[in-house]
Amino acid sequence: MPETSKNAGAVLPTQPRFGSGLWRQVKSLALYLTQTEVHTYAFSVAANAILSLFPFIVMMFTVARRVFHSTAMEEVIVDMLHYFLPSNQDFVVRNMSLLANPQGRVQIASVIMLLISSSGVFLPLEVALNRVWGVTENRSYLRNQLISVGLAFAVGVLAFLSVALTTAQNTVLWFLFFGKTNNVVYAFFGHAFLQISAAFFSVAFFSVIYWVLPNRKLPFLAVLPAGVITGLLWEGAKVLYVKLLPWLDFHSVYGPFSVSVTLMMWAFLTGLLLLAGAQSSATRYTLRLAHEADVEAAQKAEN
């Protein structure tokens, strides 16, 4: 029987007994990723993530233009979209920038769609993470909506912090290079700073999801390693996915719809990676608690 946790409605996740250490974690993770429901959760998250992505981009451009009135921030947003999106970056950036035209009214519709689709992202994620952590009771619909809105706001804040950090770094670089930005050295440092900001956003994003979404209190340090590892793996997986795209050749199969298919597949793989990180975090936490219990029992036996 699983051991009851201190949180109501939660039990320590039951992990298969494969021995101990890294090998046990790897086998547990492999079994988890072969479950049908895990792929169902990942596809659900992917579909709603695509619905959220474009309104989120419009909101980013709108805030940069109307709130901060910063052309430099707009340029950083464009650079980040080129960095994060696996393909068709120019097409997405051009059209999203046009939708964020100050004369248009699409911004209100974008915010509404973002609120609706974000709940579609976080609701199945909460159910999936609750199962990973052995939580037997999900949040109520209203509480889940509030959490979804809060997380959507938090992701937006993290994104703008990353944009602001990169903008500040670019400004400092501009002064250091006396405005002479058309050279290889400036481009190298500019890209390096962009990668650092992107890694910060990725790690923070996964860490916040792992900490907030499960319907139980978790120590932040229990999920932080998973957030760091998953965020960095996500960065590496994107590079690998981009290199594989010519071999996948979605355009030959889907024609003009290949843009959506490419993003959908990347969102699905992101969902799987996110769930894998959560499972790995829960396994390590359970093993650590079991080890601490064994040590405590051994100490009591000696006394």
Protein backbone atom coordinates (compact mmCIF):
# COMPACT_ATOMS: atom_id res chain seq x y z
CA MET A 1 0.00 0.00 0.00
CA PRO A 2 1.27 3.52 -0.75
CA GLU A 3 2.27 5.61 2.21
CA THR A 4 -0.14 8.42 3.10
CA SER A 5 1.30 11.92 2.82
CA LYS A 6 0.64 14.83 5.11
CA ASN A 7 -1.58 16.43 2.45
CA ALA A 8 -5.26 15.58 2.38
CA GLY A 9 -6.25 13.51 -0.61
CA ALA A 10 -2.66 12.69 -1.53
CA VAL A 11 -0.56 9.57 -1.27
CA LEU A 12 3.04 9.01 -2.09
CA PRO A 13 3.17 7.81 -5.70
CA THR A 14 3.61 4.08 -5.95
CA GLN A 15 6.69 3.29 -8.01
CA PRO A 16 7.55 -0.11 -9.53
CA ARG A 17 10.26 -1.99 -7.64
CA PHE A 18 13.15 -2.47 -10.04
CA GLY A 19 16.01 -2.28 -7.59
CA SER A 20 17.44 1.05 -6.63
CA GLY A 21 19.19 4.09 -8.00
CA LEU A 22 19.28 5.41 -11.55
CA TRP A 23 18.31 2.12 -13.22
CA ARG A 24 15.08 1.98 -11.24
CA GLN A 25 14.22 5.54 -12.22
CA VAL A 26 14.90 4.87 -15.91
CA LYS A 27 12.68 1.77 -15.98
CA SER A 28 9.92 3.53 -14.08
CA LEU A 29 10.06 6.44 -16.54
CA ALA A 30 10.04 4.11 -19.56
CA LEU A 31 6.94 2.30 -18.25
CA TYR A 32 5.24 5.61 -17.57
CA LEU A 33 5.83 6.97 -21.09
CA THR A 34 4.34 3.84 -22.67
CA GLN A 35 0.98 4.36 -20.94
CA THR A 36 -1.88 5.34 -23.27
CA GLU A 37 -3.20 8.03 -20.95
CA VAL A 38 0.16 9.82 -20.95
CA HIS A 39 -0.03 10.26 -24.73
CA THR A 40 -3.66 11.35 -24.40
CA TYR A 41 -2.67 14.06 -21.92
CA ALA A 42 0.23 15.16 -24.17
CA PHE A 43 -2.02 15.45 -27.25
CA SER A 44 -4.62 17.41 -25.29
CA VAL A 45 -1.97 19.79 -24.00
CA ALA A 46 -0.48 20.15 -27.50
CA ALA A 47 -3.80 21.08 -29.13
CA ASN A 48 -4.60 23.74 -26.55
CA ALA A 49 -1.00 24.99 -26.52
CA ILE A 50 -1.29 25.77 -30.24
CA LEU A 51 -4.57 27.60 -29.57
CA SER A 52 -2.80 29.58 -26.83
CA LEU A 53 0.41 30.29 -28.74
CA PHE A 54 -0.82 32.79 -31.31
CA PRO A 55 -2.93 34.91 -28.92
CA PHE A 56 0.05 34.90 -26.55
CA ILE A 57 2.34 36.23 -29.29
CA VAL A 58 -0.18 38.95 -30.17
CA MET A 59 -0.38 39.91 -26.49
CA MET A 60 3.43 40.11 -26.25
CA PHE A 61 3.66 42.46 -29.24
CA THR A 62 0.73 44.54 -27.96
CA VAL A 63 2.24 45.02 -24.49
CA ALA A 64 5.64 45.92 -25.96
CA ARG A 65 4.03 48.55 -28.21
CA ARG A 66 1.25 49.99 -26.07
CA VAL A 67 2.60 49.63 -22.54
CA PHE A 68 6.38 49.93 -22.90
CA HIS A 69 6.45 51.75 -26.27
CA SER A 70 9.72 49.94 -26.91
CA THR A 71 10.97 49.09 -30.38
CA ALA A 72 13.94 47.33 -28.78
CA MET A 73 11.61 44.98 -26.88
CA GLU A 74 9.74 44.23 -30.11
CA GLU A 75 13.02 43.29 -31.76
CA VAL A 76 13.90 41.00 -28.86
CA ILE A 77 10.45 39.34 -29.07
CA VAL A 78 11.09 38.72 -32.78
CA ASP A 79 14.51 37.24 -31.99
CA MET A 80 13.03 35.00 -29.29
CA LEU A 81 10.29 33.76 -31.60
CA HIS A 82 12.94 32.89 -34.17
CA TYR A 83 14.82 31.08 -31.41
CA PHE A 84 11.90 29.18 -29.82
CA LEU A 85 9.81 28.28 -32.87
CA PRO A 86 11.13 25.20 -34.72
CA SER A 87 10.22 26.41 -38.24
CA ASN A 88 8.36 29.01 -40.33
CA GLN A 89 9.47 31.73 -37.95
CA ASP A 90 9.23 34.56 -40.50
CA PHE A 91 5.68 33.58 -41.47
CA VAL A 92 4.49 33.48 -37.85
CA VAL A 93 6.27 36.68 -36.81
CA ARG A 94 5.05 38.66 -39.81
CA ASN A 95 1.40 37.69 -39.38
CA MET A 96 1.33 38.00 -35.59
CA SER A 97 2.95 41.42 -35.81
CA LEU A 98 0.25 42.56 -38.22
CA LEU A 99 -2.50 41.28 -35.91
CA ALA A 100 -1.03 43.36 -33.09
CA ASN A 101 -1.56 46.55 -35.11
CA PRO A 102 -2.55 49.36 -32.72
CA GLN A 103 -5.52 50.22 -34.95
CA GLY A 104 -7.03 46.74 -34.70
CA ARG A 105 -9.37 45.22 -32.11
CA VAL A 106 -8.01 41.71 -32.28
CA GLN A 107 -6.17 42.19 -28.97
CA ILE A 108 -9.39 41.78 -26.94
CA ALA A 109 -10.28 38.59 -28.79
CA SER A 110 -6.70 37.36 -28.27
CA VAL A 111 -6.92 37.86 -24.51
CA ILE A 112 -10.27 36.02 -24.37
CA MET A 113 -8.93 33.12 -26.44
CA LEU A 114 -5.79 33.02 -24.32
CA LEU A 115 -7.82 32.70 -21.12
CA ILE A 116 -10.02 29.96 -22.61
CA SER A 117 -7.23 27.93 -24.19
CA SER A 118 -4.89 28.26 -21.19
CA SER A 119 -7.43 26.39 -19.05
CA GLY A 120 -7.40 23.68 -21.74
CA VAL A 121 -3.63 23.44 -21.32
CA PHE A 122 -3.44 23.39 -17.54
CA LEU A 123 -6.52 21.29 -16.73
CA PRO A 124 -5.25 18.02 -18.29
CA LEU A 125 -1.78 18.84 -16.99
CA GLU A 126 -3.12 19.10 -13.45
CA VAL A 127 -4.86 15.73 -13.77
CA ALA A 128 -1.69 14.17 -15.17
CA LEU A 129 0.57 15.65 -12.47
CA ASN A 130 -1.88 14.64 -9.74
CA ARG A 131 -1.65 11.04 -10.93
CA VAL A 132 2.15 11.28 -11.03
CA TRP A 133 2.26 12.52 -7.43
CA GLY A 134 -0.40 10.11 -6.19
CA VAL A 135 -3.00 12.81 -5.51
CA THR A 136 -6.47 11.26 -5.37
CA GLU A 137 -8.53 14.45 -5.57
CA ASN A 138 -8.36 17.06 -8.34
CA ARG A 139 -9.19 20.72 -7.80
CA SER A 140 -12.74 21.92 -8.42
CA TYR A 141 -13.51 23.43 -11.82
CA LEU A 142 -13.54 26.99 -10.44
CA ARG A 143 -10.24 26.55 -8.58
CA ASN A 144 -8.68 25.05 -11.69
CA GLN A 145 -9.80 28.06 -13.75
CA LEU A 146 -8.27 30.42 -11.20
CA ILE A 147 -5.02 28.45 -11.18
CA SER A 148 -4.98 28.43 -15.01
CA VAL A 149 -5.43 32.20 -15.21
CA GLY A 150 -2.75 32.69 -12.56
CA LEU A 151 -0.30 30.42 -14.40
CA ALA A 152 -1.03 32.12 -17.73
CA PHE A 153 -0.25 35.46 -16.06
CA ALA A 154 2.91 34.01 -14.47
CA VAL A 155 4.12 32.66 -17.83
CA GLY A 156 3.52 36.09 -19.37
CA VAL A 157 5.50 37.76 -16.58
CA LEU A 158 8.36 35.28 -17.00
CA ALA A 159 8.36 35.87 -20.76
CA PHE A 160 8.57 39.63 -20.33
CA LEU A 161 11.26 39.31 -17.67
CA SER A 162 13.26 37.30 -20.19
CA VAL A 163 12.59 39.89 -22.91
CA ALA A 164 13.50 42.77 -20.57
CA LEU A 165 16.71 41.00 -19.51
CA THR A 166 17.75 40.45 -23.13
CA THR A 167 16.86 44.03 -24.06
CA ALA A 168 18.98 45.37 -21.19
CA GLN A 169 21.86 43.12 -22.19
CA ASN A 170 21.63 44.29 -25.80
CA THR A 171 21.64 47.92 -24.67
CA VAL A 172 24.78 47.34 -22.60
CA LEU A 173 26.41 45.59 -25.55
CA TRP A 174 25.47 48.51 -27.80
CA PHE A 175 27.27 50.93 -25.46
CA LEU A 176 30.30 48.65 -25.09
CA PHE A 177 30.65 48.36 -28.87
CA PHE A 178 30.03 52.13 -29.35
CA GLY A 179 26.99 51.40 -31.51
CA LYS A 180 28.98 49.30 -33.98
CA THR A 181 26.79 46.21 -33.99
CA ASN A 182 27.52 45.00 -37.50
CA ASN A 183 30.30 42.56 -36.61
CA VAL A 184 30.82 38.92 -35.70
CA VAL A 185 31.85 39.54 -32.08
CA TYR A 186 28.70 41.54 -31.28
CA ALA A 187 26.53 38.91 -32.99
CA PHE A 188 28.23 36.16 -30.94
CA PHE A 189 27.62 37.87 -27.59
CA GLY A 190 24.10 38.91 -28.58
CA HIS A 191 23.18 35.33 -29.45
CA ALA A 192 24.81 34.03 -26.27
CA PHE A 193 22.76 36.44 -24.13
CA LEU A 194 19.62 35.41 -26.01
CA GLN A 195 20.33 31.74 -25.24
CA ILE A 196 20.88 32.54 -21.55
CA SER A 197 17.57 34.41 -21.36
CA ALA A 198 15.78 31.62 -23.22
CA ALA A 199 17.25 29.00 -20.87
CA PHE A 200 16.16 31.08 -17.87
CA PHE A 201 12.61 31.22 -19.24
CA SER A 202 12.53 27.48 -20.01
CA VAL A 203 13.79 26.44 -16.57
CA ALA A 204 11.48 28.88 -14.77
CA PHE A 205 8.48 27.77 -16.86
CA PHE A 206 8.89 24.06 -16.12
CA SER A 207 9.73 24.66 -12.46
CA VAL A 208 6.60 26.78 -11.89
CA ILE A 209 4.40 24.18 -13.61
CA TYR A 210 5.82 21.34 -11.51
CA TRP A 211 5.45 23.31 -8.29
CA VAL A 212 2.01 24.91 -8.69
CA LEU A 213 -0.12 22.48 -10.68
CA PRO A 214 -0.23 19.36 -8.47
CA ASN A 215 -3.06 19.57 -5.93
CA ARG A 216 -0.72 19.12 -2.96
CA LYS A 217 2.00 21.09 -1.22
CA LEU A 218 5.44 20.26 -2.56
CA PRO A 219 8.79 21.68 -1.46
CA PHE A 220 10.10 23.87 -4.27
CA LEU A 221 13.50 22.20 -3.99
CA ALA A 222 11.81 18.84 -4.69
CA VAL A 223 10.77 19.99 -8.17
CA LEU A 224 13.55 22.48 -9.00
CA PRO A 225 16.06 19.85 -10.24
CA ALA A 226 13.39 18.46 -12.59
CA GLY A 227 12.62 21.98 -13.81
CA VAL A 228 16.29 22.67 -14.53
CA ILE A 229 16.94 19.34 -16.26
CA THR A 230 13.69 19.40 -18.27
CA GLY A 231 14.21 23.01 -19.33
CA LEU A 232 17.73 22.31 -20.60
CA LEU A 233 16.66 19.05 -22.26
CA TRP A 234 13.84 20.95 -23.96
CA GLU A 235 16.39 23.37 -25.42
CA GLY A 236 18.45 20.46 -26.74
CA ALA A 237 15.39 18.60 -28.03
CA LYS A 238 14.37 21.64 -30.06
CA VAL A 239 17.74 21.67 -31.82
CA LEU A 240 17.40 17.97 -32.62
CA TYR A 241 13.81 18.42 -33.82
CA VAL A 242 14.85 21.23 -36.17
CA LYS A 243 17.58 19.04 -37.65
CA LEU A 244 15.09 16.20 -38.19
CA LEU A 245 12.45 18.38 -39.90
CA PRO A 246 13.94 18.00 -43.43
CA TRP A 247 13.77 14.21 -43.01
CA LEU A 248 10.19 14.33 -41.73
CA ASP A 249 9.20 16.48 -44.76
CA PHE A 250 5.79 17.55 -43.43
CA HIS A 251 5.32 19.90 -46.39
CA SER A 252 5.12 17.02 -48.87
CA VAL A 253 2.36 15.36 -46.86
CA TYR A 254 0.38 18.32 -45.51
CA GLY A 255 1.17 21.08 -48.01
CA PRO A 256 0.19 24.55 -46.70
CA PHE A 257 -0.93 23.01 -43.39
CA SER A 258 2.62 21.87 -42.61
CA VAL A 259 3.15 24.98 -40.43
CA SER A 260 0.41 23.89 -38.01
CA VAL A 261 1.51 20.24 -38.12
CA THR A 262 5.13 21.15 -37.36
CA LEU A 263 4.07 23.22 -34.33
CA MET A 264 1.59 20.56 -33.20
CA MET A 265 4.22 17.80 -33.24
CA TRP A 266 6.65 20.01 -31.34
CA ALA A 267 3.95 20.84 -28.76
CA PHE A 268 3.18 17.12 -28.37
CA LEU A 269 6.85 16.28 -27.80
CA THR A 270 7.05 19.15 -25.31
CA GLY A 271 4.06 17.70 -23.45
CA LEU A 272 5.71 14.29 -23.28
CA LEU A 273 8.94 15.82 -22.02
CA LEU A 274 7.07 17.84 -19.39
CA LEU A 275 5.27 14.75 -18.10
CA ALA A 276 8.50 12.73 -18.16
CA GLY A 277 10.16 15.38 -16.01
CA ALA A 278 7.27 15.30 -13.53
CA GLN A 279 7.41 11.50 -13.29
CA SER A 280 11.16 11.55 -12.78
CA SER A 281 10.80 14.20 -10.06
CA ALA A 282 8.13 12.18 -8.23
CA THR A 283 10.23 9.01 -8.45
CA ARG A 284 13.32 10.69 -7.02
CA TYR A 285 11.28 12.32 -4.25
CA THR A 286 9.68 8.99 -3.32
CA LEU A 287 13.02 7.19 -3.28
CA ARG A 288 14.52 9.94 -1.12
CA LEU A 289 11.68 9.71 1.39
CA ALA A 290 12.00 5.92 1.45
CA HIS A 291 15.74 6.22 2.05
CA GLU A 292 15.21 8.72 4.87
CA ALA A 293 12.62 6.39 6.42
CA ASP A 294 15.07 3.46 6.24
CA VAL A 295 17.82 5.53 7.86
CA GLU A 296 15.45 6.67 10.61
CA ALA A 297 14.28 3.09 11.21
CA ALA A 298 17.89 1.88 11.38
CA GLN A 299 18.77 4.61 13.89
CA LYS A 300 15.77 3.68 16.07
CA ALA A 301 16.78 0.01 15.91
CA GLU A 302 20.29 0.86 17.06
CA ASN A 303 18.94 2.85 19.99
